[in-house]
């Protein structure tokens, strides 16, 4: 799964939020293989507790979860904590369109089922990731 752009993710702190433990683990392992540090939360409330005490570079969250869904998490991050950390929403079903979710502050939306490679490609394409100062400095030194 190595790709030149995947280096963008190296050393990132990524929070994976999903009520299904197997899904959380698969997503976390994919990012860890690329040199990321990952943390896991089973719902939006656990994610908020984690974010309030830790620095996170990227959040990947399911939308539909008991105990605080991805929309609750997104709204709380943007309107209560005023955090602009990029959040990728993953969903099998939602009442909202991709445009509506992005207007609410989602960085990207991926429909289930999806591959780990697709998720990583989307993460690498986010301006918040590819425009990180550390990466831009590395690009200059290679030129």
Protein backbone atom coordinates (compact mmCIF):
# COMPACT_ATOMS: atom_id res chain seq x y z
CA UNK A 1 0.00 0.00 0.00
CA UNK A 2 3.05 2.28 -0.07
CA UNK A 3 2.79 5.30 -2.34
CA UNK A 4 4.82 8.48 -2.46
CA UNK A 5 1.85 10.58 -1.30
CA UNK A 6 1.25 8.29 1.64
CA UNK A 7 4.31 9.88 3.24
CA UNK A 8 2.02 12.84 3.94
CA UNK A 9 0.46 10.81 6.74
CA UNK A 10 3.67 9.81 8.49
CA UNK A 11 3.70 10.80 12.16
CA UNK A 12 0.10 12.02 12.14
CA UNK A 13 -2.10 11.41 15.16
CA UNK A 14 -5.36 9.90 13.92
CA UNK A 15 -8.49 9.22 15.94
CA UNK A 16 -10.67 6.41 14.57
CA UNK A 17 -14.29 6.47 15.73
CA UNK A 18 -16.63 3.55 15.02
CA UNK A 19 -18.98 1.45 17.11
CA UNK A 20 -17.76 -1.74 15.42
CA UNK A 21 -14.44 -2.85 17.00
CA UNK A 22 -13.33 -4.76 13.90
CA UNK A 23 -13.79 -1.71 11.67
CA UNK A 24 -11.87 0.49 14.13
CA UNK A 25 -8.99 -1.98 14.17
CA UNK A 26 -8.82 -2.38 10.37
CA UNK A 27 -8.75 1.38 9.84
CA UNK A 28 -6.20 1.92 12.61
CA UNK A 29 -3.89 -0.81 11.30
CA UNK A 30 -3.96 0.66 7.79
CA UNK A 31 -2.83 4.05 9.10
CA UNK A 32 -0.28 2.53 11.50
CA UNK A 33 1.37 0.70 8.59
CA UNK A 34 2.12 4.16 7.17
CA UNK A 35 3.72 5.45 10.37
CA UNK A 36 0.71 7.10 11.98
CA UNK A 37 -0.17 7.05 15.64
CA UNK A 38 -3.78 6.02 16.19
CA UNK A 39 -6.30 6.19 18.99
CA UNK A 40 -9.69 4.49 19.05
CA UNK A 41 -13.13 5.57 20.25
CA UNK A 42 -16.42 3.66 20.10
CA UNK A 43 -18.66 6.72 19.67
CA UNK A 44 -18.80 10.50 19.50
CA UNK A 45 -18.79 10.99 23.27
CA UNK A 46 -15.60 8.92 23.70
CA UNK A 47 -14.05 10.83 20.80
CA UNK A 48 -14.83 14.20 22.38
CA UNK A 49 -13.32 13.10 25.69
CA UNK A 50 -10.17 12.03 23.84
CA UNK A 51 -9.90 15.21 21.77
CA UNK A 52 -10.30 17.40 24.86
CA UNK A 53 -7.14 15.86 26.35
CA UNK A 54 -5.02 15.02 23.29
CA UNK A 55 -3.80 16.56 20.05
CA UNK A 56 -5.29 14.98 16.95
CA UNK A 57 -4.34 15.71 13.33
CA UNK A 58 -7.19 13.80 11.68
CA UNK A 59 -10.42 12.09 12.72
CA UNK A 60 -12.08 9.28 10.79
CA UNK A 61 -15.61 8.66 12.08
CA UNK A 62 -18.62 6.56 11.23
CA UNK A 63 -21.84 8.57 11.11
CA UNK A 64 -24.35 6.19 12.69
CA UNK A 65 -23.31 5.06 16.18
CA UNK A 66 -25.06 4.75 19.52
CA UNK A 67 -23.68 6.98 22.26
CA UNK A 68 -23.02 10.02 20.12
CA UNK A 69 -22.93 9.65 16.37
CA UNK A 70 -20.57 11.23 13.86
CA UNK A 71 -22.85 14.20 13.28
CA UNK A 72 -22.93 14.91 17.02
CA UNK A 73 -19.12 14.71 17.03
CA UNK A 74 -18.81 17.01 14.02
CA UNK A 75 -21.17 19.63 15.45
CA UNK A 76 -19.48 19.54 18.86
CA UNK A 77 -16.00 19.91 17.39
CA UNK A 78 -17.03 22.88 15.25
CA UNK A 79 -19.49 24.76 17.50
CA UNK A 80 -18.37 23.99 21.06
CA UNK A 81 -14.65 23.26 20.90
CA UNK A 82 -14.09 25.37 17.76
CA UNK A 83 -11.62 22.82 16.45
CA UNK A 84 -10.91 22.67 12.74
CA UNK A 85 -9.25 19.26 12.79
CA UNK A 86 -10.19 17.53 9.53
CA UNK A 87 -12.88 14.91 9.98
CA UNK A 88 -13.60 12.23 7.39
CA UNK A 89 -17.09 10.79 7.77
CA UNK A 90 -17.67 7.19 6.77
CA UNK A 91 -21.21 6.00 6.21
CA UNK A 92 -23.37 3.23 4.88
CA UNK A 93 -26.45 5.43 5.07
CA UNK A 94 -27.27 9.04 5.88
CA UNK A 95 -30.20 11.36 5.43
CA UNK A 96 -27.84 14.15 4.40
CA UNK A 97 -26.03 14.69 1.11
CA UNK A 98 -22.26 14.89 0.81
CA UNK A 99 -22.59 18.63 0.16
CA UNK A 100 -24.65 19.10 3.32
CA UNK A 101 -22.11 17.17 5.39
CA UNK A 102 -19.28 19.26 3.97
CA UNK A 103 -21.20 22.46 4.72
CA UNK A 104 -21.41 21.25 8.33
CA UNK A 105 -17.63 20.97 8.38
CA UNK A 106 -16.77 17.44 7.23
CA UNK A 107 -13.51 17.37 5.29
CA UNK A 108 -14.68 14.39 3.22
CA UNK A 109 -17.36 11.71 3.11
CA UNK A 110 -16.74 8.10 2.10
CA UNK A 111 -19.51 5.61 1.50
CA UNK A 112 -19.35 2.05 2.81
CA UNK A 113 -18.07 -0.33 1.75
CA UNK A 114 -14.65 1.18 1.11
CA UNK A 115 -11.08 -0.05 0.95
CA UNK A 116 -8.34 1.05 3.33
CA UNK A 117 -6.45 2.35 0.31
CA UNK A 118 -9.39 4.55 -0.70
CA UNK A 119 -9.59 6.00 2.81
CA UNK A 120 -5.87 6.73 2.86
CA UNK A 121 -6.00 8.34 -0.59
CA UNK A 122 -8.81 10.61 0.59
CA UNK A 123 -6.84 11.52 3.73
CA UNK A 124 -3.77 12.36 1.62
CA UNK A 125 -5.86 14.60 -0.65
CA UNK A 126 -7.13 16.83 2.17
CA UNK A 127 -5.65 20.35 2.07
CA UNK A 128 -5.12 20.22 5.84
CA UNK A 129 -2.85 17.21 5.33
CA UNK A 130 -1.02 18.01 2.09
CA UNK A 131 -0.43 21.65 3.08
CA UNK A 132 1.12 20.84 6.45
CA UNK A 133 4.23 22.96 7.07
CA UNK A 134 6.42 19.89 7.73
CA UNK A 135 5.47 18.33 4.39
CA UNK A 136 5.90 21.57 2.45
CA UNK A 137 9.38 22.00 3.94
CA UNK A 138 10.32 18.44 2.88
CA UNK A 139 9.11 19.16 -0.65
CA UNK A 140 11.34 22.29 -0.85
CA UNK A 141 14.41 20.42 0.33
CA UNK A 142 13.90 17.74 -2.36
CA UNK A 143 13.80 20.33 -5.17
